[in-house]
Amino acid sequence: PDDTICAHLGDGEVAVLKASDTKNLGSWAENGKNTESI
């Protein structure tokens, strides 16, 4: 919706605080695979 999770840190670096749960990773996550692990 906006760029709030992105930041320019200087020296050409941009950090993205990406939501990393399966729901927010959409098509890149393996469907039906349990990603929880020890």
PDB file of all heavy atoms in Angstrom:
ATOM      1  N   PRO A   1       0.817  -1.226   0.000  1.00  0.00           N
ATOM      2  CA  PRO A   1       0.000   0.000   0.000  1.00  0.00           C
ATOM      3  C   PRO A   1       0.842   1.263   0.000  1.00  0.00           C
ATOM      4  O   PRO A   1       0.409   2.304  -0.475  1.00  0.00           O
ATOM      5  CB  PRO A   1      -0.822  -0.124   1.291  1.00  0.00           C
ATOM      6  CG  PRO A   1      -0.003  -1.030   2.174  1.00  0.00           C
ATOM      7  CD  PRO A   1       0.667  -1.998   1.249  1.00  0.00           C
ATOM      8  N   ASP A   2       2.060   1.202   0.563  1.00  0.00           N
ATOM      9  CA  ASP A   2       2.956   2.368   0.596  1.00  0.00           C
ATOM     10  C   ASP A   2       4.380   1.878   0.841  1.00  0.00           C
ATOM     11  O   ASP A   2       4.648   0.682   0.834  1.00  0.00           O
ATOM     12  CB  ASP A   2       2.534   3.368   1.683  1.00  0.00           C
ATOM     13  CG  ASP A   2       2.374   2.695   3.044  1.00  0.00           C
ATOM     14  OD1 ASP A   2       3.308   1.968   3.449  1.00  0.00           O
ATOM     15  OD2 ASP A   2       1.336   2.881   3.696  1.00  0.00           O
ATOM     16  N   ASP A   3       5.275   2.835   1.060  1.00  0.00           N
ATOM     17  CA  ASP A   3       6.693   2.477   1.187  1.00  0.00           C
ATOM     18  C   ASP A   3       7.189   2.487   2.632  1.00  0.00           C
ATOM     19  O   ASP A   3       8.385   2.591   2.881  1.00  0.00           O
ATOM     20  CB  ASP A   3       7.558   3.441   0.356  1.00  0.00           C
ATOM     21  CG  ASP A   3       7.495   4.877   0.869  1.00  0.00           C
ATOM     22  OD1 ASP A   3       6.737   5.129   1.824  1.00  0.00           O
ATOM     23  OD2 ASP A   3       8.196   5.734   0.314  1.00  0.00           O
ATOM     24  N   THR A   4       6.257   2.330   3.587  1.00  0.00           N
ATOM     25  CA  THR A   4       6.654   2.480   4.995  1.00  0.00           C
ATOM     26  C   THR A   4       7.651   1.425   5.461  1.00  0.00           C
ATOM     27  O   THR A   4       8.389   1.656   6.412  1.00  0.00           O
ATOM     28  CB  THR A   4       5.431   2.434   5.928  1.00  0.00           C
ATOM     29  OG1 THR A   4       4.665   1.258   5.647  1.00  0.00           O
ATOM     30  CG2 THR A   4       4.564   3.664   5.761  1.00  0.00           C
ATOM     31  N   ILE A   5       7.674   0.252   4.835  1.00  0.00           N
ATOM     32  CA  ILE A   5       8.596  -0.791   5.299  1.00  0.00           C
ATOM     33  C   ILE A   5       9.957  -0.697   4.617  1.00  0.00           C
ATOM     34  O   ILE A   5      10.823  -1.531   4.844  1.00  0.00           O
ATOM     35  CB  ILE A   5       8.015  -2.209   5.080  1.00  0.00           C
ATOM     36  CG1 ILE A   5       7.898  -2.515   3.583  1.00  0.00           C
ATOM     37  CG2 ILE A   5       6.694  -2.376   5.791  1.00  0.00           C
ATOM     38  CD1 ILE A   5       7.684  -3.968   3.278  1.00  0.00           C
ATOM     39  N   CYS A   6      10.166   0.324   3.776  1.00  0.00           N
ATOM     40  CA  CYS A   6      11.426   0.488   3.062  1.00  0.00           C
ATOM     41  C   CYS A   6      12.182   1.694   3.609  1.00  0.00           C
ATOM     42  O   CYS A   6      11.573   2.686   4.015  1.00  0.00           O
ATOM     43  CB  CYS A   6      11.184   0.700   1.569  1.00  0.00           C
ATOM     44  SG  CYS A   6      10.213  -0.599   0.773  1.00  0.00           S
ATOM     45  N   ALA A   7      13.504   1.619   3.598  1.00  0.00           N
ATOM     46  CA  ALA A   7      14.310   2.747   4.064  1.00  0.00           C
ATOM     47  C   ALA A   7      15.622   2.811   3.296  1.00  0.00           C
ATOM     48  O   ALA A   7      16.246   1.779   3.019  1.00  0.00           O
ATOM     49  CB  ALA A   7      14.602   2.628   5.552  1.00  0.00           C
ATOM     50  N   HIS A   8      16.023   4.029   2.940  1.00  0.00           N
ATOM     51  CA  HIS A   8      17.328   4.252   2.327  1.00  0.00           C
ATOM     52  C   HIS A   8      18.328   4.449   3.455  1.00  0.00           C
ATOM     53  O   HIS A   8      18.244   5.412   4.207  1.00  0.00           O
ATOM     54  CB  HIS A   8      17.278   5.486   1.422  1.00  0.00           C
ATOM     55  CG  HIS A   8      18.582   5.781   0.751  1.00  0.00           C
ATOM     56  ND1 HIS A   8      18.951   7.040   0.323  1.00  0.00           N
ATOM     57  CD2 HIS A   8      19.633   4.965   0.438  1.00  0.00           C
ATOM     58  CE1 HIS A   8      20.150   6.995  -0.211  1.00  0.00           C
ATOM     59  NE2 HIS A   8      20.588   5.739  -0.155  1.00  0.00           N
ATOM     60  N   LEU A   9      19.284   3.526   3.587  1.00  0.00           N
ATOM     61  CA  LEU A   9      20.245   3.568   4.689  1.00  0.00           C
ATOM     62  C   LEU A   9      21.512   4.337   4.351  1.00  0.00           C
ATOM     63  O   LEU A   9      22.375   4.521   5.207  1.00  0.00           O
ATOM     64  CB  LEU A   9      20.623   2.135   5.102  1.00  0.00           C
ATOM     65  CG  LEU A   9      19.464   1.208   5.472  1.00  0.00           C
ATOM     66  CD1 LEU A   9      20.006  -0.161   5.872  1.00  0.00           C
ATOM     67  CD2 LEU A   9      18.608   1.790   6.579  1.00  0.00           C
ATOM     68  N   GLY A  10      21.633   4.805   3.110  1.00  0.00           N
ATOM     69  CA  GLY A  10      22.845   5.484   2.681  1.00  0.00           C
ATOM     70  C   GLY A  10      23.787   4.542   1.963  1.00  0.00           C
ATOM     71  O   GLY A  10      23.643   3.310   2.025  1.00  0.00           O
ATOM     72  N   ASP A  11      24.753   5.097   1.226  1.00  0.00           N
ATOM     73  CA  ASP A  11      25.747   4.304   0.474  1.00  0.00           C
ATOM     74  C   ASP A  11      25.088   3.319  -0.478  1.00  0.00           C
ATOM     75  O   ASP A  11      25.589   2.202  -0.691  1.00  0.00           O
ATOM     76  CB  ASP A  11      26.690   3.553   1.428  1.00  0.00           C
ATOM     77  CG  ASP A  11      27.616   4.488   2.174  1.00  0.00           C
ATOM     78  OD1 ASP A  11      27.952   5.544   1.604  1.00  0.00           O
ATOM     79  OD2 ASP A  11      27.994   4.173   3.311  1.00  0.00           O
ATOM     80  N   GLY A  12      23.949   3.705  -1.041  1.00  0.00           N
ATOM     81  CA  GLY A  12      23.292   2.852  -2.032  1.00  0.00           C
ATOM     82  C   GLY A  12      22.564   1.662  -1.464  1.00  0.00           C
ATOM     83  O   GLY A  12      22.166   0.767  -2.220  1.00  0.00           O
ATOM     84  N   GLU A  13      22.359   1.608  -0.148  1.00  0.00           N
ATOM     85  CA  GLU A  13      21.667   0.478   0.473  1.00  0.00           C
ATOM     86  C   GLU A  13      20.215   0.822   0.793  1.00  0.00           C
ATOM     87  O   GLU A  13      19.934   1.871   1.368  1.00  0.00           O
ATOM     88  CB  GLU A  13      22.372   0.044   1.763  1.00  0.00           C
ATOM     89  CG  GLU A  13      23.642  -0.742   1.549  1.00  0.00           C
ATOM     90  CD  GLU A  13      24.166  -1.355   2.830  1.00  0.00           C
ATOM     91  OE1 GLU A  13      23.636  -1.045   3.918  1.00  0.00           O
ATOM     92  OE2 GLU A  13      25.117  -2.146   2.750  1.00  0.00           O
ATOM     93  N   VAL A  14      19.323  -0.077   0.418  1.00  0.00           N
ATOM     94  CA  VAL A  14      17.902   0.047   0.751  1.00  0.00           C
ATOM     95  C   VAL A  14      17.493  -1.200   1.525  1.00  0.00           C
ATOM     96  O   VAL A  14      17.736  -2.324   1.078  1.00  0.00           O
ATOM     97  CB  VAL A  14      17.035   0.180  -0.518  1.00  0.00           C
ATOM     98  CG1 VAL A  14      15.547   0.114  -0.170  1.00  0.00           C
ATOM     99  CG2 VAL A  14      17.339   1.493  -1.247  1.00  0.00           C
ATOM    100  N   ALA A  15      16.905  -1.000   2.695  1.00  0.00           N
ATOM    101  CA  ALA A  15      16.438  -2.129   3.509  1.00  0.00           C
ATOM    102  C   ALA A  15      14.931  -2.267   3.353  1.00  0.00           C
ATOM    103  O   ALA A  15      14.189  -1.278   3.387  1.00  0.00           O
ATOM    104  CB  ALA A  15      16.791  -1.910   4.977  1.00  0.00           C
ATOM    105  N   VAL A  16      14.485  -3.501   3.181  1.00  0.00           N
ATOM    106  CA  VAL A  16      13.056  -3.807   3.106  1.00  0.00           C
ATOM    107  C   VAL A  16      12.731  -4.736   4.272  1.00  0.00           C
ATOM    108  O   VAL A  16      13.307  -5.826   4.377  1.00  0.00           O
ATOM    109  CB  VAL A  16      12.692  -4.491   1.770  1.00  0.00           C
ATOM    110  CG1 VAL A  16      11.188  -4.763   1.703  1.00  0.00           C
ATOM    111  CG2 VAL A  16      13.141  -3.645   0.587  1.00  0.00           C
ATOM    112  N   LEU A  17      11.833  -4.308   5.155  1.00  0.00           N
ATOM    113  CA  LEU A  17      11.425  -5.147   6.289  1.00  0.00           C
ATOM    114  C   LEU A  17      10.244  -5.987   5.831  1.00  0.00           C
ATOM    115  O   LEU A  17       9.084  -5.661   6.071  1.00  0.00           O
ATOM    116  CB  LEU A  17      11.057  -4.273   7.495  1.00  0.00           C
ATOM    117  CG  LEU A  17      12.054  -3.168   7.884  1.00  0.00           C
ATOM    118  CD1 LEU A  17      11.627  -2.505   9.185  1.00  0.00           C
ATOM    119  CD2 LEU A  17      13.461  -3.735   8.015  1.00  0.00           C
ATOM    120  N   LYS A  18      10.534  -7.107   5.182  1.00  0.00           N
ATOM    121  CA  LYS A  18       9.499  -7.886   4.505  1.00  0.00           C
ATOM    122  C   LYS A  18       8.795  -8.835   5.456  1.00  0.00           C
ATOM    123  O   LYS A  18       9.434  -9.592   6.181  1.00  0.00           O
ATOM    124  CB  LYS A  18      10.125  -8.709   3.373  1.00  0.00           C
ATOM    125  CG  LYS A  18       9.130  -9.551   2.579  1.00  0.00           C
ATOM    126  CD  LYS A  18       8.233  -8.665   1.746  1.00  0.00           C
ATOM    127  CE  LYS A  18       7.168  -9.477   1.014  1.00  0.00           C
ATOM    128  NZ  LYS A  18       6.049  -9.897   1.873  1.00  0.00           N
ATOM    129  N   ALA A  19       7.450  -8.772   5.449  1.00  0.00           N
ATOM    130  CA  ALA A  19       6.670  -9.743   6.212  1.00  0.00           C
ATOM    131  C   ALA A  19       7.029 -11.137   5.702  1.00  0.00           C
ATOM    132  O   ALA A  19       6.935 -11.419   4.511  1.00  0.00           O
ATOM    133  CB  ALA A  19       5.173  -9.472   6.039  1.00  0.00           C
ATOM    134  N   SER A  20       7.464 -12.015   6.618  1.00  0.00           N
ATOM    135  CA  SER A  20       8.071 -13.281   6.183  1.00  0.00           C
ATOM    136  C   SER A  20       7.244 -14.506   6.520  1.00  0.00           C
ATOM    137  O   SER A  20       7.738 -15.626   6.454  1.00  0.00           O
ATOM    138  CB  SER A  20       9.464 -13.421   6.814  1.00  0.00           C
ATOM    139  OG  SER A  20       9.380 -13.372   8.226  1.00  0.00           O
ATOM    140  N   ASP A  21       5.973 -14.314   6.909  1.00  0.00           N
ATOM    141  CA  ASP A  21       5.126 -15.481   7.132  1.00  0.00           C
ATOM    142  C   ASP A  21       4.606 -15.983   5.780  1.00  0.00           C
ATOM    143  O   ASP A  21       4.651 -15.276   4.777  1.00  0.00           O
ATOM    144  CB  ASP A  21       3.970 -15.139   8.068  1.00  0.00           C
ATOM    145  CG  ASP A  21       3.148 -13.954   7.580  1.00  0.00           C
ATOM    146  OD1 ASP A  21       3.723 -13.084   6.900  1.00  0.00           O
ATOM    147  OD2 ASP A  21       1.943 -13.898   7.864  1.00  0.00           O
ATOM    148  N   THR A  22       4.119 -17.220   5.764  1.00  0.00           N
ATOM    149  CA  THR A  22       3.694 -17.851   4.514  1.00  0.00           C
ATOM    150  C   THR A  22       2.627 -17.045   3.794  1.00  0.00           C
ATOM    151  O   THR A  22       2.674 -16.867   2.571  1.00  0.00           O
ATOM    152  CB  THR A  22       3.163 -19.276   4.794  1.00  0.00           C
ATOM    153  OG1 THR A  22       4.179 -20.023   5.456  1.00  0.00           O
ATOM    154  CG2 THR A  22       2.776 -19.978   3.508  1.00  0.00           C
ATOM    155  N   LYS A  23       1.670 -16.492   4.542  1.00  0.00           N
ATOM    156  CA  LYS A  23       0.580 -15.732   3.940  1.00  0.00           C
ATOM    157  C   LYS A  23       1.107 -14.546   3.143  1.00  0.00           C
ATOM    158  O   LYS A  23       0.677 -14.287   2.020  1.00  0.00           O
ATOM    159  CB  LYS A  23      -0.375 -15.244   5.035  1.00  0.00           C
ATOM    160  CG  LYS A  23      -1.511 -14.374   4.522  1.00  0.00           C
ATOM    161  CD  LYS A  23      -2.375 -13.875   5.672  1.00  0.00           C
ATOM    162  CE  LYS A  23      -3.454 -12.928   5.172  1.00  0.00           C
ATOM    163  NZ  LYS A  23      -4.279 -12.393   6.298  1.00  0.00           N
ATOM    164  N   ASN A  24       2.074 -13.813   3.716  1.00  0.00           N
ATOM    165  CA  ASN A  24       2.582 -12.615   3.060  1.00  0.00           C
ATOM    166  C   ASN A  24       3.616 -12.904   1.978  1.00  0.00           C
ATOM    167  O   ASN A  24       3.974 -12.004   1.221  1.00  0.00           O
ATOM    168  CB  ASN A  24       3.187 -11.665   4.108  1.00  0.00           C
ATOM    169  CG  ASN A  24       2.126 -10.894   4.863  1.00  0.00           C
ATOM    170  OD1 ASN A  24       1.494  -9.989   4.333  1.00  0.00           O
ATOM    171  ND2 ASN A  24       1.909 -11.261   6.116  1.00  0.00           N
ATOM    172  N   LEU A  25       4.098 -14.142   1.925  1.00  0.00           N
ATOM    173  CA  LEU A  25       5.036 -14.494   0.868  1.00  0.00           C
ATOM    174  C   LEU A  25       4.324 -15.076  -0.346  1.00  0.00           C
ATOM    175  O   LEU A  25       4.947 -15.342  -1.364  1.00  0.00           O
ATOM    176  CB  LEU A  25       6.091 -15.476   1.398  1.00  0.00           C
ATOM    177  CG  LEU A  25       7.144 -14.823   2.289  1.00  0.00           C
ATOM    178  CD1 LEU A  25       7.984 -15.881   2.977  1.00  0.00           C
ATOM    179  CD2 LEU A  25       8.026 -13.881   1.492  1.00  0.00           C
ATOM    180  N   GLY A  26       3.013 -15.300  -0.207  1.00  0.00           N
ATOM    181  CA  GLY A  26       2.169 -15.661  -1.339  1.00  0.00           C
ATOM    182  C   GLY A  26       2.693 -16.792  -2.190  1.00  0.00           C
ATOM    183  O   GLY A  26       3.012 -17.882  -1.708  1.00  0.00           O
ATOM    184  N   SER A  27       2.816 -16.527  -3.494  1.00  0.00           N
ATOM    185  CA  SER A  27       3.160 -17.571  -4.457  1.00  0.00           C
ATOM    186  C   SER A  27       4.574 -18.096  -4.304  1.00  0.00           C
ATOM    187  O   SER A  27       4.924 -19.133  -4.872  1.00  0.00           O
ATOM    188  CB  SER A  27       2.979 -17.039  -5.888  1.00  0.00           C
ATOM    189  OG  SER A  27       3.816 -15.918  -6.101  1.00  0.00           O
ATOM    190  N   TRP A  28       5.423 -17.384  -3.552  1.00  0.00           N
ATOM    191  CA  TRP A  28       6.805 -17.854  -3.395  1.00  0.00           C
ATOM    192  C   TRP A  28       6.917 -18.962  -2.348  1.00  0.00           C
ATOM    193  O   TRP A  28       7.884 -19.690  -2.320  1.00  0.00           O
ATOM    194  CB  TRP A  28       7.713 -16.693  -3.009  1.00  0.00           C
ATOM    195  CG  TRP A  28       7.774 -15.653  -4.072  1.00  0.00           C
ATOM    196  CD1 TRP A  28       8.328 -15.778  -5.323  1.00  0.00           C
ATOM    197  CD2 TRP A  28       7.227 -14.344  -4.004  1.00  0.00           C
ATOM    198  NE1 TRP A  28       8.163 -14.615  -6.027  1.00  0.00           N
ATOM    199  CE2 TRP A  28       7.496 -13.704  -5.243  1.00  0.00           C
ATOM    200  CE3 TRP A  28       6.542 -13.626  -3.019  1.00  0.00           C
ATOM    201  CZ2 TRP A  28       7.093 -12.404  -5.514  1.00  0.00           C
ATOM    202  CZ3 TRP A  28       6.151 -12.327  -3.298  1.00  0.00           C
ATOM    203  CH2 TRP A  28       6.421 -11.730  -4.519  1.00  0.00           C
ATOM    204  N   ALA A  29       5.900 -19.068  -1.466  1.00  0.00           N
ATOM    205  CA  ALA A  29       5.894 -20.127  -0.455  1.00  0.00           C
ATOM    206  C   ALA A  29       5.363 -21.404  -1.086  1.00  0.00           C
ATOM    207  O   ALA A  29       4.542 -21.373  -2.001  1.00  0.00           O
ATOM    208  CB  ALA A  29       5.030 -19.725   0.733  1.00  0.00           C
ATOM    209  N   GLU A  30       5.832 -22.527  -0.604  1.00  0.00           N
ATOM    210  CA  GLU A  30       5.388 -23.811  -1.142  1.00  0.00           C
ATOM    211  C   GLU A  30       4.021 -24.152  -0.575  1.00  0.00           C
ATOM    212  O   GLU A  30       3.856 -24.277   0.642  1.00  0.00           O
ATOM    213  CB  GLU A  30       6.393 -24.916  -0.797  1.00  0.00           C
ATOM    214  CG  GLU A  30       7.744 -24.711  -1.454  1.00  0.00           C
ATOM    215  CD  GLU A  30       8.694 -25.851  -1.157  1.00  0.00           C
ATOM    216  OE1 GLU A  30       8.202 -26.966  -0.872  1.00  0.00           O
ATOM    217  OE2 GLU A  30       9.908 -25.636  -1.193  1.00  0.00           O
ATOM    218  N   ASN A  31       3.042 -24.274  -1.459  1.00  0.00           N
ATOM    219  CA  ASN A  31       1.670 -24.550  -1.026  1.00  0.00           C
ATOM    220  C   ASN A  31       1.569 -25.876  -0.296  1.00  0.00           C
ATOM    221  O   ASN A  31       2.077 -26.893  -0.737  1.00  0.00           O
ATOM    222  CB  ASN A  31       0.724 -24.572  -2.238  1.00  0.00           C
ATOM    223  CG  ASN A  31       0.618 -23.212  -2.894  1.00  0.00           C
ATOM    224  OD1 ASN A  31       0.716 -22.197  -2.216  1.00  0.00           O
ATOM    225  ND2 ASN A  31       0.413 -23.190  -4.201  1.00  0.00           N
ATOM    226  N   GLY A  32       0.910 -25.813   0.859  1.00  0.00           N
ATOM    227  CA  GLY A  32       0.663 -27.035   1.621  1.00  0.00           C
ATOM    228  C   GLY A  32       1.838 -27.528   2.410  1.00  0.00           C
ATOM    229  O   GLY A  32       1.759 -28.519   3.117  1.00  0.00           O
ATOM    230  N   LYS A  33       2.988 -26.848   2.306  1.00  0.00           N
ATOM    231  CA  LYS A  33       4.162 -27.314   3.036  1.00  0.00           C
ATOM    232  C   LYS A  33       4.272 -26.588   4.368  1.00  0.00           C
ATOM    233  O   LYS A  33       4.182 -25.380   4.446  1.00  0.00           O
ATOM    234  CB  LYS A  33       5.439 -27.066   2.217  1.00  0.00           C
ATOM    235  CG  LYS A  33       6.678 -27.633   2.903  1.00  0.00           C
ATOM    236  CD  LYS A  33       7.885 -27.566   2.002  1.00  0.00           C
ATOM    237  CE  LYS A  33       9.116 -28.157   2.681  1.00  0.00           C
ATOM    238  NZ  LYS A  33      10.296 -28.136   1.825  1.00  0.00           N
ATOM    239  N   ASN A  34       4.436 -27.340   5.435  1.00  0.00           N
ATOM    240  CA  ASN A  34       4.577 -26.765   6.763  1.00  0.00           C
ATOM    241  C   ASN A  34       5.985 -26.209   6.928  1.00  0.00           C
ATOM    242  O   ASN A  34       6.959 -26.947   6.898  1.00  0.00           O
ATOM    243  CB  ASN A  34       4.297 -27.823   7.836  1.00  0.00           C
ATOM    244  CG  ASN A  34       4.396 -27.238   9.242  1.00  0.00           C
ATOM    245  OD1 ASN A  34       4.429 -26.027   9.425  1.00  0.00           O
ATOM    246  ND2 ASN A  34       4.442 -28.119  10.226  1.00  0.00           N
ATOM    247  N   THR A  35       6.076 -24.878   7.070  1.00  0.00           N
ATOM    248  CA  THR A  35       7.389 -24.258   7.161  1.00  0.00           C
ATOM    249  C   THR A  35       7.865 -24.113   8.591  1.00  0.00           C
ATOM    250  O   THR A  35       8.956 -23.620   8.838  1.00  0.00           O
ATOM    251  CB  THR A  35       7.358 -22.864   6.500  1.00  0.00           C
ATOM    252  OG1 THR A  35       6.359 -22.080   7.146  1.00  0.00           O
ATOM    253  CG2 THR A  35       7.052 -22.957   5.027  1.00  0.00           C
ATOM    254  N   GLU A  36       7.031 -24.504   9.559  1.00  0.00           N
ATOM    255  CA  GLU A  36       7.466 -24.428  10.954  1.00  0.00           C
ATOM    256  C   GLU A  36       8.495 -25.527  11.204  1.00  0.00           C
ATOM    257  O   GLU A  36       8.344 -26.658  10.774  1.00  0.00           O
ATOM    258  CB  GLU A  36       6.268 -24.614  11.898  1.00  0.00           C
ATOM    259  CG  GLU A  36       5.210 -23.514  11.757  1.00  0.00           C
ATOM    260  CD  GLU A  36       5.761 -22.145  12.119  1.00  0.00           C
ATOM    261  OE1 GLU A  36       6.624 -22.078  13.015  1.00  0.00           O
ATOM    262  OE2 GLU A  36       5.348 -21.163  11.508  1.00  0.00           O
ATOM    263  N   SER A  37       9.534 -25.207  11.874  1.00  0.00           N
ATOM    264  CA  SER A  37      10.560 -26.204  12.154  1.00  0.00           C
ATOM    265  C   SER A  37      11.223 -25.883  13.481  1.00  0.00           C
ATOM    266  O   SER A  37      11.021 -24.825  14.066  1.00  0.00           O
ATOM    267  CB  SER A  37      11.607 -26.210  11.031  1.00  0.00           C
ATOM    268  OG  SER A  37      12.316 -24.990  11.039  1.00  0.00           O
ATOM    269  N   ILE A  38      12.019 -26.857  13.964  1.00  0.00           N
ATOM    270  CA  ILE A  38      12.756 -26.634  15.202  1.00  0.00           C
ATOM    271  C   ILE A  38      13.694 -25.444  15.023  1.00  0.00           C
ATOM    272  O   ILE A  38      13.841 -24.602  15.888  1.00  0.00           O
ATOM    273  CB  ILE A  38      13.554 -27.904  15.571  1.00  0.00           C
ATOM    274  CG1 ILE A  38      12.579 -29.051  15.865  1.00  0.00           C
ATOM    275  CG2 ILE A  38      14.439 -27.654  16.780  1.00  0.00           C
ATOM    276  CD1 ILE A  38      13.257 -30.379  16.104  1.00  0.00           C
TER     277      ILE A  38
END
